[in-house]
């Protein structure tokens, strides 16, 4: 079973683009993968997916 998460970029400066990239990379460490990136009302958002862990 898969689980999904939506994350968004905060701010609009170039610095925030690097922070968004760093955020995506931090999720990659937790095995999240980006499946889509889109712009919604001026905010860049990314849809992430990973296999759900059995608990």
PDB file of N, CA and C in Angstrom:
ATOM      1  N   UNK A   1       0.840  -1.172   0.000  1.00  0.00           N
ATOM      2  CA  UNK A   1       0.000   0.000   0.000  1.00  0.00           C
ATOM      3  C   UNK A   1       0.889   1.241   0.000  1.00  0.00           C
ATOM      4  N   UNK A   2       0.460   2.259  -0.738  1.00  0.00           N
ATOM      5  CA  UNK A   2       1.231   3.492  -0.821  1.00  0.00           C
ATOM      6  C   UNK A   2       0.585   4.584   0.033  1.00  0.00           C
ATOM      7  N   UNK A   3       1.405   5.523   0.459  1.00  0.00           N
ATOM      8  CA  UNK A   3       0.887   6.707   1.136  1.00  0.00           C
ATOM      9  C   UNK A   3       1.422   7.931   0.411  1.00  0.00           C
ATOM     10  N   UNK A   4       0.641   9.003   0.446  1.00  0.00           N
ATOM     11  CA  UNK A   4       0.953  10.214  -0.291  1.00  0.00           C
ATOM     12  C   UNK A   4       1.031  11.409   0.648  1.00  0.00           C
ATOM     13  N   UNK A   5       1.811  12.413   0.225  1.00  0.00           N
ATOM     14  CA  UNK A   5       1.974  13.640   1.006  1.00  0.00           C
ATOM     15  C   UNK A   5       2.122  14.792   0.016  1.00  0.00           C
ATOM     16  N   UNK A   6       1.547  15.935   0.349  1.00  0.00           N
ATOM     17  CA  UNK A   6       1.725  17.145  -0.460  1.00  0.00           C
ATOM     18  C   UNK A   6       2.504  18.153   0.375  1.00  0.00           C
ATOM     19  N   UNK A   7       3.587  18.660  -0.203  1.00  0.00           N
ATOM     20  CA  UNK A   7       4.377  19.687   0.475  1.00  0.00           C
ATOM     21  C   UNK A   7       4.356  20.934  -0.395  1.00  0.00           C
ATOM     22  N   UNK A   8       4.607  22.097   0.217  1.00  0.00           N
ATOM     23  CA  UNK A   8       4.598  23.348  -0.547  1.00  0.00           C
ATOM     24  C   UNK A   8       5.828  24.175  -0.242  1.00  0.00           C
ATOM     25  N   UNK A   9       6.188  24.981  -1.232  1.00  0.00           N
ATOM     26  CA  UNK A   9       7.293  25.921  -1.080  1.00  0.00           C
ATOM     27  C   UNK A   9       6.783  27.124  -0.312  1.00  0.00           C
ATOM     28  N   UNK A  10       7.570  27.608   0.622  1.00  0.00           N
ATOM     29  CA  UNK A  10       7.191  28.812   1.351  1.00  0.00           C
ATOM     30  C   UNK A  10       8.019  29.977   0.834  1.00  0.00           C
ATOM     31  N   UNK A  11       7.415  31.140   0.749  1.00  0.00           N
ATOM     32  CA  UNK A  11       8.123  32.320   0.274  1.00  0.00           C
ATOM     33  C   UNK A  11       8.226  32.335  -1.239  1.00  0.00           C
ATOM     34  N   UNK A  12       8.846  33.387  -1.779  1.00  0.00           N
ATOM     35  CA  UNK A  12       8.945  33.527  -3.224  1.00  0.00           C
ATOM     36  C   UNK A  12      10.359  33.857  -3.696  1.00  0.00           C
ATOM     37  N   UNK A  13      11.279  34.049  -2.793  1.00  0.00           N
ATOM     38  CA  UNK A  13      12.641  34.420  -3.176  1.00  0.00           C
ATOM     39  C   UNK A  13      13.416  33.203  -3.671  1.00  0.00           C
ATOM     40  N   UNK A  14      14.520  33.466  -4.375  1.00  0.00           N
ATOM     41  CA  UNK A  14      15.381  32.382  -4.854  1.00  0.00           C
ATOM     42  C   UNK A  14      15.863  31.548  -3.673  1.00  0.00           C
ATOM     43  N   UNK A  15      16.121  32.187  -2.548  1.00  0.00           N
ATOM     44  CA  UNK A  15      16.553  31.448  -1.360  1.00  0.00           C
ATOM     45  C   UNK A  15      15.523  30.393  -1.000  1.00  0.00           C
ATOM     46  N   UNK A  16      14.255  30.712  -1.119  1.00  0.00           N
ATOM     47  CA  UNK A  16      13.229  29.739  -0.757  1.00  0.00           C
ATOM     48  C   UNK A  16      13.212  28.569  -1.736  1.00  0.00           C
ATOM     49  N   UNK A  17      13.668  28.792  -2.990  1.00  0.00           N
ATOM     50  CA  UNK A  17      13.777  27.677  -3.929  1.00  0.00           C
ATOM     51  C   UNK A  17      14.794  26.665  -3.427  1.00  0.00           C
ATOM     52  N   UNK A  18      15.918  27.147  -2.904  1.00  0.00           N
ATOM     53  CA  UNK A  18      16.925  26.244  -2.339  1.00  0.00           C
ATOM     54  C   UNK A  18      16.371  25.537  -1.108  1.00  0.00           C
ATOM     55  N   UNK A  19      15.616  26.261  -0.287  1.00  0.00           N
ATOM     56  CA  UNK A  19      15.011  25.656   0.893  1.00  0.00           C
ATOM     57  C   UNK A  19      14.009  24.572   0.499  1.00  0.00           C
ATOM     58  N   UNK A  20      13.252  24.804  -0.598  1.00  0.00           N
ATOM     59  CA  UNK A  20      12.301  23.808  -1.085  1.00  0.00           C
ATOM     60  C   UNK A  20      13.037  22.569  -1.579  1.00  0.00           C
ATOM     61  N   UNK A  21      14.132  22.778  -2.295  1.00  0.00           N
ATOM     62  CA  UNK A  21      14.957  21.653  -2.749  1.00  0.00           C
ATOM     63  C   UNK A  21      15.498  20.885  -1.544  1.00  0.00           C
ATOM     64  N   UNK A  22      15.978  21.593  -0.535  1.00  0.00           N
ATOM     65  CA  UNK A  22      16.475  20.945   0.680  1.00  0.00           C
ATOM     66  C   UNK A  22      15.360  20.152   1.364  1.00  0.00           C
ATOM     67  N   UNK A  23      14.129  20.710   1.372  1.00  0.00           N
ATOM     68  CA  UNK A  23      12.992  20.022   1.964  1.00  0.00           C
ATOM     69  C   UNK A  23      12.710  18.720   1.218  1.00  0.00           C
ATOM     70  N   UNK A  24      12.699  18.779  -0.125  1.00  0.00           N
ATOM     71  CA  UNK A  24      12.477  17.569  -0.918  1.00  0.00           C
ATOM     72  C   UNK A  24      13.565  16.541  -0.635  1.00  0.00           C
ATOM     73  N   UNK A  25      14.809  16.981  -0.544  1.00  0.00           N
ATOM     74  CA  UNK A  25      15.907  16.059  -0.253  1.00  0.00           C
ATOM     75  C   UNK A  25      15.778  15.436   1.132  1.00  0.00           C
ATOM     76  N   UNK A  26      15.260  16.195   2.097  1.00  0.00           N
ATOM     77  CA  UNK A  26      15.074  15.628   3.442  1.00  0.00           C
ATOM     78  C   UNK A  26      13.999  14.538   3.420  1.00  0.00           C
ATOM     79  N   UNK A  27      12.970  14.721   2.588  1.00  0.00           N
ATOM     80  CA  UNK A  27      11.950  13.673   2.449  1.00  0.00           C
ATOM     81  C   UNK A  27      12.510  12.466   1.705  1.00  0.00           C
ATOM     82  N   UNK A  28      13.410  12.690   0.762  1.00  0.00           N
ATOM     83  CA  UNK A  28      14.026  11.579   0.032  1.00  0.00           C
ATOM     84  C   UNK A  28      14.781  10.651   0.980  1.00  0.00           C
ATOM     85  N   UNK A  29      15.395  11.217   1.997  1.00  0.00           N
ATOM     86  CA  UNK A  29      16.094  10.409   2.997  1.00  0.00           C
ATOM     87  C   UNK A  29      15.114   9.473   3.706  1.00  0.00           C
ATOM     88  N   UNK A  30      13.854   9.926   3.834  1.00  0.00           N
ATOM     89  CA  UNK A  30      12.813   9.111   4.487  1.00  0.00           C
ATOM     90  C   UNK A  30      12.051   8.257   3.466  1.00  0.00           C
ATOM     91  N   UNK A  31      12.665   8.069   2.254  1.00  0.00           N
ATOM     92  CA  UNK A  31      12.142   7.217   1.182  1.00  0.00           C
ATOM     93  C   UNK A  31      10.935   7.777   0.442  1.00  0.00           C
ATOM     94  N   UNK A  32      10.655   9.068   0.565  1.00  0.00           N
ATOM     95  CA  UNK A  32       9.592   9.694  -0.214  1.00  0.00           C
ATOM     96  C   UNK A  32      10.135  10.005  -1.601  1.00  0.00           C
ATOM     97  N   UNK A  33       9.298   9.839  -2.631  1.00  0.00           N
ATOM     98  CA  UNK A  33       9.666  10.162  -4.002  1.00  0.00           C
ATOM     99  C   UNK A  33       8.689  11.194  -4.558  1.00  0.00           C
ATOM    100  N   UNK A  34       9.199  12.165  -5.292  1.00  0.00           N
ATOM    101  CA  UNK A  34       8.347  13.168  -5.939  1.00  0.00           C
ATOM    102  C   UNK A  34       7.702  12.530  -7.170  1.00  0.00           C
ATOM    103  N   UNK A  35       6.368  12.625  -7.259  1.00  0.00           N
ATOM    104  CA  UNK A  35       5.667  12.097  -8.426  1.00  0.00           C
ATOM    105  C   UNK A  35       5.052  13.204  -9.279  1.00  0.00           C
ATOM    106  N   UNK A  36       4.923  14.407  -8.712  1.00  0.00           N
ATOM    107  CA  UNK A  36       4.356  15.519  -9.464  1.00  0.00           C
ATOM    108  C   UNK A  36       4.720  16.828  -8.765  1.00  0.00           C
ATOM    109  N   UNK A  37       4.940  17.858  -9.558  1.00  0.00           N
ATOM    110  CA  UNK A  37       5.165  19.212  -9.044  1.00  0.00           C
ATOM    111  C   UNK A  37       4.237  20.131  -9.827  1.00  0.00           C
ATOM    112  N   UNK A  38       3.558  21.035  -9.116  1.00  0.00           N
ATOM    113  CA  UNK A  38       2.628  21.923  -9.796  1.00  0.00           C
ATOM    114  C   UNK A  38       2.563  23.271  -9.087  1.00  0.00           C
ATOM    115  N   UNK A  39       2.037  24.253  -9.806  1.00  0.00           N
ATOM    116  CA  UNK A  39       1.883  25.593  -9.275  1.00  0.00           C
ATOM    117  C   UNK A  39       0.398  25.811  -9.006  1.00  0.00           C
ATOM    118  N   UNK A  40       0.060  26.118  -7.763  1.00  0.00           N
ATOM    119  CA  UNK A  40      -1.330  26.348  -7.380  1.00  0.00           C
ATOM    120  C   UNK A  40      -1.426  27.697  -6.684  1.00  0.00           C
ATOM    121  N   UNK A  41      -2.073  28.648  -7.333  1.00  0.00           N
ATOM    122  CA  UNK A  41      -2.256  29.998  -6.789  1.00  0.00           C
ATOM    123  C   UNK A  41      -0.931  30.647  -6.395  1.00  0.00           C
ATOM    124  N   UNK A  42       0.088  30.441  -7.219  1.00  0.00           N
ATOM    125  CA  UNK A  42       1.379  31.064  -6.993  1.00  0.00           C
ATOM    126  C   UNK A  42       2.311  30.296  -6.076  1.00  0.00           C
ATOM    127  N   UNK A  43       1.864  29.184  -5.514  1.00  0.00           N
ATOM    128  CA  UNK A  43       2.717  28.352  -4.658  1.00  0.00           C
ATOM    129  C   UNK A  43       3.107  27.085  -5.396  1.00  0.00           C
ATOM    130  N   UNK A  44       4.372  26.735  -5.331  1.00  0.00           N
ATOM    131  CA  UNK A  44       4.823  25.479  -5.913  1.00  0.00           C
ATOM    132  C   UNK A  44       4.570  24.380  -4.893  1.00  0.00           C
ATOM    133  N   UNK A  45       3.915  23.319  -5.349  1.00  0.00           N
ATOM    134  CA  UNK A  45       3.618  22.180  -4.484  1.00  0.00           C
ATOM    135  C   UNK A  45       4.157  20.916  -5.126  1.00  0.00           C
ATOM    136  N   UNK A  46       4.462  19.933  -4.308  1.00  0.00           N
ATOM    137  CA  UNK A  46       4.957  18.646  -4.798  1.00  0.00           C
ATOM    138  C   UNK A  46       4.162  17.527  -4.138  1.00  0.00           C
ATOM    139  N   UNK A  47       3.839  16.529  -4.943  1.00  0.00           N
ATOM    140  CA  UNK A  47       3.171  15.329  -4.434  1.00  0.00           C
ATOM    141  C   UNK A  47       4.242  14.269  -4.260  1.00  0.00           C
ATOM    142  N   UNK A  48       4.301  13.690  -3.068  1.00  0.00           N
ATOM    143  CA  UNK A  48       5.274  12.663  -2.735  1.00  0.00           C
ATOM    144  C   UNK A  48       4.562  11.339  -2.473  1.00  0.00           C
ATOM    145  N   UNK A  49       5.268  10.239  -2.710  1.00  0.00           N
ATOM    146  CA  UNK A  49       4.708   8.911  -2.463  1.00  0.00           C
ATOM    147  C   UNK A  49       5.801   8.010  -1.888  1.00  0.00           C
ATOM    148  N   UNK A  50       5.379   7.050  -1.100  1.00  0.00           N
ATOM    149  CA  UNK A  50       6.278   5.994  -0.616  1.00  0.00           C
ATOM    150  C   UNK A  50       5.430   4.803  -0.207  1.00  0.00           C
ATOM    151  N   UNK A  51       6.091   3.681  -0.083  1.00  0.00           N
ATOM    152  CA  UNK A  51       5.414   2.477   0.394  1.00  0.00           C
ATOM    153  C   UNK A  51       5.128   2.661   1.884  1.00  0.00           C
ATOM    154  N   UNK A  52       3.888   2.378   2.279  1.00  0.00           N
ATOM    155  CA  UNK A  52       3.501   2.514   3.674  1.00  0.00           C
ATOM    156  C   UNK A  52       4.131   1.394   4.482  1.00  0.00           C
ATOM    157  N   UNK A  53       4.675   1.745   5.622  1.00  0.00           N
ATOM    158  CA  UNK A  53       5.309   0.760   6.501  1.00  0.00           C
ATOM    159  C   UNK A  53       4.255  -0.020   7.257  1.00  0.00           C
ATOM    160  N   UNK A  54       4.494  -1.324   7.395  1.00  0.00           N
ATOM    161  CA  UNK A  54       3.625  -2.151   8.224  1.00  0.00           C
ATOM    162  C   UNK A  54       3.962  -1.888   9.673  1.00  0.00           C
ATOM    163  N   UNK A  55       2.905  -1.699  10.487  1.00  0.00           N
ATOM    164  CA  UNK A  55       3.140  -1.411  11.907  1.00  0.00           C
ATOM    165  C   UNK A  55       2.604  -2.505  12.759  1.00  0.00           C
TER     166      UNK A  55
END
